[in-house]
Amino acid sequence: MKSILKRIILITTKQYTSIGGQAVIEGVMMRSPNAFVVAVRKPDGSIRLRRDQWYGLSRKLDFLKKPFLRGILMLVETMANGLVSLNYSANIAMAEEEREKALKKGKTIEEFEASQKKKEKVDLATFLTMGVSFAFGIGLFVFVPHAVAFFIGDLLGKDWTLDSFAFHAVDGVVKAMIFVAYIWGISFIKDVYRVFQYHGAEHKSIATFEAGMDLTVENARKFTKLHPRCGTSFIFFLILISILLFSAVFTLIPVGANLPPILRHVVAVLFKVALMLPVAGISYELIKFSGKCSTQWWAKAMAAPGMLLQKLTTKEPDDQQLEVALSSIKAVLHLEEKYNLKDAKSKIINLEEIDIKHLTDIETTNSSLKEFLE
């Protein structure tokens, strides 16, 4: 009776956990406020857990927890965590194949293992990779839509200037079309399709915890592969806010008004890149707010386009993939409780890797949703 009452309360209040994740190659990364775990299915069928304490910048610099700033920090940390997790999962999932290639090139086992470990660290190379990825994203989702909007206006004989809403609306529509086409295209790649399945498994495992149910494959199967706080929904808000913010800012500020047309557009694109930081901050606050008010009709309307996009980025997982995702969130909860990480004033545990055979090999904790509310 107590358990049923608890679930009724959770359903009616509909609150979301501060635990978030990301699908990686043959696995799932989960991060709670103070713990960081990557779970990967190894070729031999066992699950490798990479467990560590998360002691990010927000723990050291309180002002980064403030609204709007925390969204920017989340974006940077997500990119860094994502690269580390992807490199790690690739090393584990393709270890044998990579080892054979390295040995054929004359490397020793020790040299190979050292190079693999180096890929898993957040160092200068990680941030350089982030920089390249960011530049590619800016080119594809800022420069190209801007140029296409300009040429469409020119083709149709429309006098779309940088201070017109129409220009930025077309820019946003083109941006959305590129994103959808890109996701749709890569979904046909076998390895990407499996990552999208793990993405669905990540959502199901988080939903199981948010429902106050035991973290088992049987329970996780019941939930949808869609989640309102997904990164895909975040991208929808990025596109929407960029249209509104760019339209407002370029109307109020005559960016490059006295420059030649081509140079003015170059300056405008660079200005848009700088504005992506406040866009990220605003988008993060919106997705959090709509999640907290998810029972309201307007919140459902706001979340609908992002949820629709998730049908492209998530696929129905199988039981083995659910087990990996559940292992990741269960391990995160275990670290939080065992070491009382929420009260830790410094980094008290070090990175460790363990192999488990089944989800049940991870100790069950007494952690509840109320301890990890957004």
Protein backbone atom coordinates (compact mmCIF):
# COMPACT_ATOMS: atom_id res chain seq x y z
CA MET A 1 0.00 0.00 0.00
CA LYS A 2 2.83 2.38 0.90
CA SER A 3 4.59 1.61 -2.39
CA ILE A 4 1.41 2.26 -4.40
CA LEU A 5 0.84 5.60 -2.60
CA LYS A 6 4.43 6.61 -3.33
CA ARG A 7 3.96 5.97 -7.04
CA ILE A 8 0.69 7.92 -7.13
CA ILE A 9 2.43 10.92 -5.55
CA LEU A 10 5.31 10.70 -8.05
CA ILE A 11 2.94 10.49 -11.01
CA THR A 12 0.82 13.45 -9.90
CA THR A 13 3.78 15.70 -9.04
CA LYS A 14 5.85 14.48 -12.01
CA GLN A 15 9.30 15.59 -10.89
CA TYR A 16 12.52 14.70 -12.67
CA THR A 17 15.86 13.49 -11.46
CA SER A 18 19.13 15.42 -11.66
CA ILE A 19 20.71 12.24 -13.04
CA GLY A 20 21.31 12.41 -16.77
CA GLY A 21 22.99 10.23 -19.34
CA GLN A 22 24.26 9.70 -22.82
CA ALA A 23 24.35 6.72 -25.14
CA VAL A 24 27.83 5.62 -26.21
CA ILE A 25 29.23 2.75 -28.28
CA GLU A 26 27.70 -0.45 -26.85
CA GLY A 27 26.91 1.33 -23.62
CA VAL A 28 25.54 4.21 -21.57
CA MET A 29 27.15 6.99 -19.55
CA MET A 30 25.31 8.24 -16.46
CA ARG A 31 26.16 11.28 -14.38
CA SER A 32 24.58 12.25 -11.09
CA PRO A 33 25.46 15.50 -9.27
CA ASN A 34 28.55 13.83 -7.77
CA ALA A 35 29.27 10.57 -9.63
CA PHE A 36 30.19 9.59 -13.19
CA VAL A 37 29.82 6.08 -14.60
CA VAL A 38 30.22 4.56 -18.05
CA ALA A 39 28.83 1.04 -18.56
CA VAL A 40 29.89 -0.84 -21.70
CA ARG A 41 28.99 -4.33 -22.95
CA LYS A 42 32.26 -6.12 -23.66
CA PRO A 43 32.69 -8.57 -26.56
CA ASP A 44 32.70 -11.48 -24.06
CA GLY A 45 29.21 -10.47 -22.80
CA SER A 46 30.25 -9.03 -19.45
CA ILE A 47 29.71 -5.37 -18.52
CA ARG A 48 32.65 -3.07 -17.83
CA LEU A 49 31.94 -0.24 -15.38
CA ARG A 50 34.14 2.84 -15.32
CA ARG A 51 33.30 4.50 -12.00
CA ASP A 52 34.50 7.87 -10.78
CA GLN A 53 33.53 10.78 -8.57
CA TRP A 54 32.30 13.85 -10.41
CA TYR A 55 33.71 17.02 -8.91
CA GLY A 56 33.03 19.64 -11.56
CA LEU A 57 33.50 23.39 -11.73
CA SER A 58 30.09 24.07 -10.17
CA ARG A 59 31.32 22.43 -6.95
CA LYS A 60 34.32 24.76 -6.89
CA LEU A 61 32.66 27.92 -8.20
CA ASP A 62 29.17 28.42 -6.77
CA PHE A 63 28.23 31.25 -9.13
CA LEU A 64 28.21 28.75 -12.01
CA LYS A 65 25.09 27.18 -10.46
CA LYS A 66 23.12 30.37 -11.12
CA PRO A 67 20.32 30.34 -13.72
CA PHE A 68 21.48 30.89 -17.31
CA LEU A 69 25.15 30.32 -16.38
CA ARG A 70 24.46 26.70 -15.44
CA GLY A 71 23.13 26.00 -18.94
CA ILE A 72 26.41 27.13 -20.51
CA LEU A 73 28.39 25.06 -18.01
CA MET A 74 26.17 22.05 -18.68
CA LEU A 75 26.84 22.33 -22.42
CA VAL A 76 30.63 22.45 -21.97
CA GLU A 77 30.69 19.65 -19.39
CA THR A 78 28.39 17.47 -21.51
CA MET A 79 30.70 17.82 -24.49
CA ALA A 80 33.77 16.94 -22.42
CA ASN A 81 32.06 14.01 -20.67
CA GLY A 82 30.65 12.81 -23.97
CA LEU A 83 34.04 12.71 -25.68
CA VAL A 84 35.66 10.87 -22.77
CA SER A 85 32.78 8.38 -22.62
CA LEU A 86 32.74 7.77 -26.37
CA ASN A 87 36.50 7.21 -26.48
CA TYR A 88 36.30 4.88 -23.52
CA SER A 89 33.40 2.88 -24.91
CA ALA A 90 35.12 2.56 -28.28
CA ASN A 91 38.26 1.29 -26.54
CA ILE A 92 36.29 -1.37 -24.66
CA ALA A 93 33.87 -2.42 -27.41
CA MET A 94 36.59 -2.68 -30.05
CA ALA A 95 39.53 -3.60 -27.83
CA GLU A 96 40.51 -6.81 -29.56
CA GLU A 97 40.34 -5.35 -33.06
CA GLU A 98 42.32 -2.25 -32.07
CA ARG A 99 44.91 -4.31 -30.19
CA GLU A 100 45.56 -6.51 -33.22
CA LYS A 101 46.02 -3.46 -35.45
CA ALA A 102 48.45 -1.87 -32.96
CA LEU A 103 50.52 -5.05 -32.64
CA LYS A 104 50.76 -5.37 -36.42
CA LYS A 105 52.17 -1.83 -36.52
CA GLY A 106 54.91 -2.86 -34.09
CA LYS A 107 53.52 -1.45 -30.85
CA THR A 108 53.95 -3.35 -27.60
CA ILE A 109 50.98 -4.28 -25.37
CA GLU A 110 52.14 -1.67 -22.85
CA GLU A 111 52.31 1.07 -25.49
CA PHE A 112 48.87 0.14 -26.80
CA GLU A 113 47.28 0.21 -23.33
CA ALA A 114 48.97 3.52 -22.50
CA SER A 115 47.65 5.12 -25.70
CA GLN A 116 44.14 3.83 -24.95
CA LYS A 117 44.19 5.27 -21.43
CA LYS A 118 45.40 8.61 -22.74
CA LYS A 119 42.29 8.89 -24.92
CA GLU A 120 40.07 8.62 -21.83
CA LYS A 121 41.48 11.66 -20.02
CA VAL A 122 40.14 15.21 -20.19
CA ASP A 123 43.27 17.04 -21.33
CA LEU A 124 44.35 19.55 -23.96
CA ALA A 125 43.68 17.02 -26.73
CA THR A 126 40.11 16.60 -25.46
CA PHE A 127 39.48 20.33 -25.63
CA LEU A 128 41.11 20.55 -29.06
CA THR A 129 38.75 17.80 -30.26
CA MET A 130 35.87 19.70 -28.68
CA GLY A 131 37.03 22.80 -30.52
CA VAL A 132 37.06 21.01 -33.86
CA SER A 133 33.64 19.48 -33.18
CA PHE A 134 32.29 22.87 -32.13
CA ALA A 135 33.71 24.49 -35.29
CA PHE A 136 32.07 21.79 -37.44
CA GLY A 137 28.76 22.33 -35.64
CA ILE A 138 29.00 26.11 -36.05
CA GLY A 139 29.74 25.71 -39.75
CA LEU A 140 26.85 23.31 -40.32
CA PHE A 141 24.23 24.86 -38.05
CA VAL A 142 25.13 28.58 -38.07
CA PHE A 143 27.05 29.49 -41.22
CA VAL A 144 25.22 27.23 -43.72
CA PRO A 145 21.64 28.18 -42.59
CA HIS A 146 22.62 31.87 -42.62
CA ALA A 147 24.00 31.59 -46.15
CA VAL A 148 21.00 29.57 -47.39
CA ALA A 149 18.55 32.11 -45.90
CA PHE A 150 20.41 34.90 -47.71
CA PHE A 151 20.36 33.07 -51.06
CA ILE A 152 16.68 32.08 -50.70
CA GLY A 153 15.78 35.73 -50.12
CA ASP A 154 17.88 36.77 -53.11
CA LEU A 155 16.34 34.04 -55.28
CA LEU A 156 12.77 35.03 -54.38
CA GLY A 157 13.51 38.71 -54.71
CA LYS A 158 12.72 39.33 -51.04
CA ASP A 159 14.33 42.25 -49.26
CA TRP A 160 15.33 40.21 -46.22
CA THR A 161 17.78 42.17 -44.15
CA LEU A 162 19.55 41.11 -40.97
CA ASP A 163 17.12 43.16 -38.90
CA SER A 164 14.04 41.35 -40.27
CA PHE A 165 12.25 38.51 -38.50
CA ALA A 166 11.70 36.69 -41.82
CA PHE A 167 15.44 36.28 -42.39
CA HIS A 168 16.00 34.63 -39.01
CA ALA A 169 12.82 32.55 -39.29
CA VAL A 170 14.05 31.06 -42.58
CA ASP A 171 17.50 30.63 -41.02
CA GLY A 172 15.91 28.64 -38.17
CA VAL A 173 13.79 26.48 -40.48
CA VAL A 174 16.84 25.63 -42.60
CA LYS A 175 18.78 24.84 -39.42
CA ALA A 176 16.04 22.46 -38.28
CA MET A 177 15.87 20.79 -41.70
CA ILE A 178 19.64 20.22 -41.73
CA PHE A 179 19.50 18.70 -38.25
CA VAL A 180 16.60 16.36 -39.09
CA ALA A 181 18.21 15.31 -42.39
CA TYR A 182 21.54 14.69 -40.66
CA ILE A 183 20.00 12.53 -37.91
CA TRP A 184 17.79 10.66 -40.37
CA GLY A 185 20.76 9.97 -42.64
CA ILE A 186 23.12 8.62 -39.99
CA SER A 187 20.38 6.45 -38.46
CA PHE A 188 20.86 4.02 -41.36
CA ILE A 189 24.41 3.30 -40.21
CA LYS A 190 24.33 0.06 -38.21
CA ASP A 191 26.58 1.26 -35.36
CA VAL A 192 24.66 4.54 -35.04
CA TYR A 193 21.36 2.65 -34.95
CA ARG A 194 22.68 0.65 -31.97
CA VAL A 195 23.74 3.88 -30.23
CA PHE A 196 20.17 5.14 -30.74
CA GLN A 197 18.92 1.92 -29.11
CA TYR A 198 21.15 2.59 -26.11
CA HIS A 199 19.74 6.14 -26.09
CA GLY A 200 16.28 4.62 -25.70
CA ALA A 201 17.61 2.33 -22.96
CA GLU A 202 19.06 5.33 -21.13
CA HIS A 203 15.66 7.07 -21.12
CA LYS A 204 13.84 3.94 -19.95
CA SER A 205 16.26 3.38 -17.07
CA ILE A 206 15.97 6.99 -15.87
CA ALA A 207 12.16 6.81 -16.16
CA THR A 208 12.19 3.64 -14.04
CA PHE A 209 14.06 5.45 -11.28
CA GLU A 210 11.80 8.51 -11.54
CA ALA A 211 8.77 6.24 -11.15
CA GLY A 212 10.18 4.91 -7.88
CA MET A 213 10.40 1.36 -9.21
CA ASP A 214 13.14 -1.22 -8.76
CA LEU A 215 15.87 -0.94 -11.38
CA THR A 216 15.17 -4.16 -13.24
CA VAL A 217 14.91 -4.99 -16.93
CA GLU A 218 11.30 -6.10 -16.43
CA ASN A 219 10.30 -2.72 -15.01
CA ALA A 220 12.30 -0.68 -17.54
CA ARG A 221 10.62 -2.40 -20.49
CA LYS A 222 7.28 -0.76 -19.55
CA PHE A 223 8.45 2.81 -20.11
CA THR A 224 8.63 4.92 -23.24
CA LYS A 225 11.95 5.54 -24.98
CA LEU A 226 11.15 9.28 -25.01
CA HIS A 227 11.99 11.75 -22.22
CA PRO A 228 11.17 15.48 -21.97
CA ARG A 229 14.64 16.46 -20.71
CA CYS A 230 16.55 14.76 -23.52
CA GLY A 231 19.43 16.50 -25.31
CA THR A 232 17.41 16.22 -28.52
CA SER A 233 14.69 18.37 -26.94
CA PHE A 234 17.43 20.76 -25.82
CA ILE A 235 18.48 21.17 -29.47
CA PHE A 236 14.88 22.04 -30.42
CA PHE A 237 14.90 24.80 -27.79
CA LEU A 238 18.28 25.98 -29.09
CA ILE A 239 16.81 26.42 -32.57
CA LEU A 240 13.64 28.13 -31.31
CA ILE A 241 15.44 30.53 -28.96
CA SER A 242 18.06 31.34 -31.60
CA ILE A 243 15.30 32.50 -34.00
CA LEU A 244 13.70 34.73 -31.35
CA LEU A 245 16.94 36.06 -29.85
CA PHE A 246 18.66 36.70 -33.18
CA SER A 247 15.58 38.53 -34.48
CA ALA A 248 15.42 40.73 -31.36
CA VAL A 249 19.15 41.45 -31.12
CA PHE A 250 19.72 42.20 -34.80
CA THR A 251 16.68 44.51 -34.79
CA LEU A 252 18.02 46.48 -31.83
CA ILE A 253 21.74 46.36 -32.69
CA PRO A 254 22.84 47.37 -36.22
CA VAL A 255 25.59 44.77 -36.46
CA GLY A 256 28.09 45.77 -39.15
CA ALA A 257 25.66 48.36 -40.54
CA ASN A 258 28.39 50.39 -42.32
CA LEU A 259 30.26 47.42 -43.73
CA PRO A 260 30.08 46.02 -47.27
CA PRO A 261 27.26 43.38 -47.62
CA ILE A 262 29.48 40.25 -47.65
CA LEU A 263 31.65 41.45 -44.76
CA ARG A 264 28.54 42.42 -42.81
CA HIS A 265 27.19 38.89 -43.08
CA VAL A 266 30.54 37.45 -41.95
CA VAL A 267 30.45 39.71 -38.88
CA ALA A 268 26.81 38.72 -38.29
CA VAL A 269 27.70 35.00 -38.31
CA LEU A 270 30.51 35.60 -35.79
CA PHE A 271 28.08 37.60 -33.65
CA LYS A 272 25.63 34.68 -33.79
CA VAL A 273 28.37 32.32 -32.60
CA ALA A 274 28.92 34.54 -29.55
CA LEU A 275 25.16 34.63 -28.92
CA MET A 276 25.02 30.81 -28.80
CA LEU A 277 26.19 30.94 -25.17
CA PRO A 278 23.17 32.94 -23.91
CA VAL A 279 20.97 30.85 -26.24
CA ALA A 280 22.25 27.71 -24.48
CA GLY A 281 21.63 29.28 -21.07
CA ILE A 282 18.06 30.29 -21.89
CA SER A 283 17.30 26.93 -23.56
CA TYR A 284 18.48 25.02 -20.50
CA GLU A 285 16.22 27.04 -18.18
CA LEU A 286 13.25 26.51 -20.49
CA ILE A 287 13.70 22.75 -20.68
CA LYS A 288 14.01 22.56 -16.88
CA PHE A 289 10.94 24.75 -16.37
CA SER A 290 8.79 22.87 -18.88
CA GLY A 291 9.88 19.59 -17.26
CA LYS A 292 8.78 20.76 -13.81
CA CYS A 293 5.41 21.92 -15.19
CA SER A 294 4.96 18.95 -17.52
CA THR A 295 1.30 18.42 -16.54
CA GLN A 296 0.35 21.87 -17.85
CA TRP A 297 -0.99 22.08 -21.42
CA TRP A 298 1.49 24.77 -22.46
CA ALA A 299 4.42 22.70 -21.15
CA LYS A 300 3.20 19.69 -23.12
CA ALA A 301 2.96 21.89 -26.22
CA MET A 302 6.51 23.16 -25.67
CA ALA A 303 7.86 19.65 -25.19
CA ALA A 304 5.99 18.11 -28.16
CA PRO A 305 8.40 19.09 -30.99
CA GLY A 306 11.42 17.85 -29.00
CA MET A 307 9.65 14.59 -28.18
CA LEU A 308 8.84 14.20 -31.87
CA LEU A 309 12.51 14.67 -32.77
CA GLN A 310 13.42 11.99 -30.24
CA LYS A 311 11.62 9.45 -32.41
CA LEU A 312 14.59 9.88 -34.75
CA THR A 313 17.34 9.75 -32.11
CA THR A 314 15.96 6.88 -29.99
CA LYS A 315 15.16 3.29 -30.97
CA GLU A 316 13.57 0.50 -28.96
CA PRO A 317 16.32 -1.30 -27.00
CA ASP A 318 16.61 -5.03 -26.33
CA ASP A 319 16.94 -6.52 -22.84
CA GLN A 320 20.74 -6.67 -22.96
CA GLN A 321 20.92 -2.97 -23.76
CA LEU A 322 18.49 -2.18 -20.95
CA GLU A 323 20.69 -4.16 -18.57
CA VAL A 324 23.71 -2.01 -19.49
CA ALA A 325 21.78 1.25 -19.01
CA LEU A 326 20.38 0.08 -15.68
CA SER A 327 23.87 -0.98 -14.57
CA SER A 328 25.08 2.55 -15.25
CA ILE A 329 22.40 4.34 -13.21
CA LYS A 330 22.54 1.72 -10.45
CA ALA A 331 26.32 2.15 -10.17
CA VAL A 332 25.93 5.94 -9.98
CA LEU A 333 23.45 5.62 -7.12
CA HIS A 334 25.73 3.12 -5.36
CA LEU A 335 28.67 5.56 -5.48
CA GLU A 336 26.54 8.46 -4.22
CA GLU A 337 25.28 6.47 -1.24
CA LYS A 338 28.39 4.45 -0.34
CA TYR A 339 30.70 7.48 -0.20
CA ASN A 340 28.09 10.11 0.78
CA LEU A 341 29.35 12.19 -2.14
CA LYS A 342 26.86 15.04 -1.70
CA ASP A 343 28.73 16.08 1.46
CA ALA A 344 32.23 15.59 0.05
CA LYS A 345 34.29 18.80 0.16
CA SER A 346 36.89 17.46 -2.24
CA LYS A 347 37.56 14.52 -4.51
CA ILE A 348 37.63 11.49 -2.22
CA ILE A 349 37.50 8.53 -4.63
CA ASN A 350 39.55 7.71 -7.69
CA LEU A 351 38.70 6.26 -11.04
CA GLU A 352 38.19 2.48 -11.00
CA GLU A 353 37.12 -0.14 -13.50
CA ILE A 354 35.32 -3.36 -12.68
CA ASP A 355 33.67 -6.11 -14.70
CA ILE A 356 30.31 -7.59 -13.76
CA LYS A 357 28.36 -10.49 -15.22
CA HIS A 358 24.85 -9.30 -14.43
CA LEU A 359 22.94 -6.25 -13.21
CA THR A 360 22.34 -8.01 -9.89
CA ASP A 361 26.10 -7.90 -9.18
CA ILE A 362 25.70 -4.21 -8.29
CA GLU A 363 24.51 -3.52 -4.77
CA THR A 364 20.99 -2.08 -4.46
CA THR A 365 20.82 1.24 -2.62
CA ASN A 366 18.13 3.03 -0.63
CA SER A 367 18.45 6.13 -2.82
CA SER A 368 15.15 7.73 -3.80
CA LEU A 369 14.04 10.34 -6.30
CA LYS A 370 13.66 13.08 -3.68
CA GLU A 371 17.44 13.01 -3.12
CA PHE A 372 18.13 13.83 -6.77
CA LEU A 373 15.39 16.25 -7.79
CA GLU A 374 16.15 18.97 -10.31
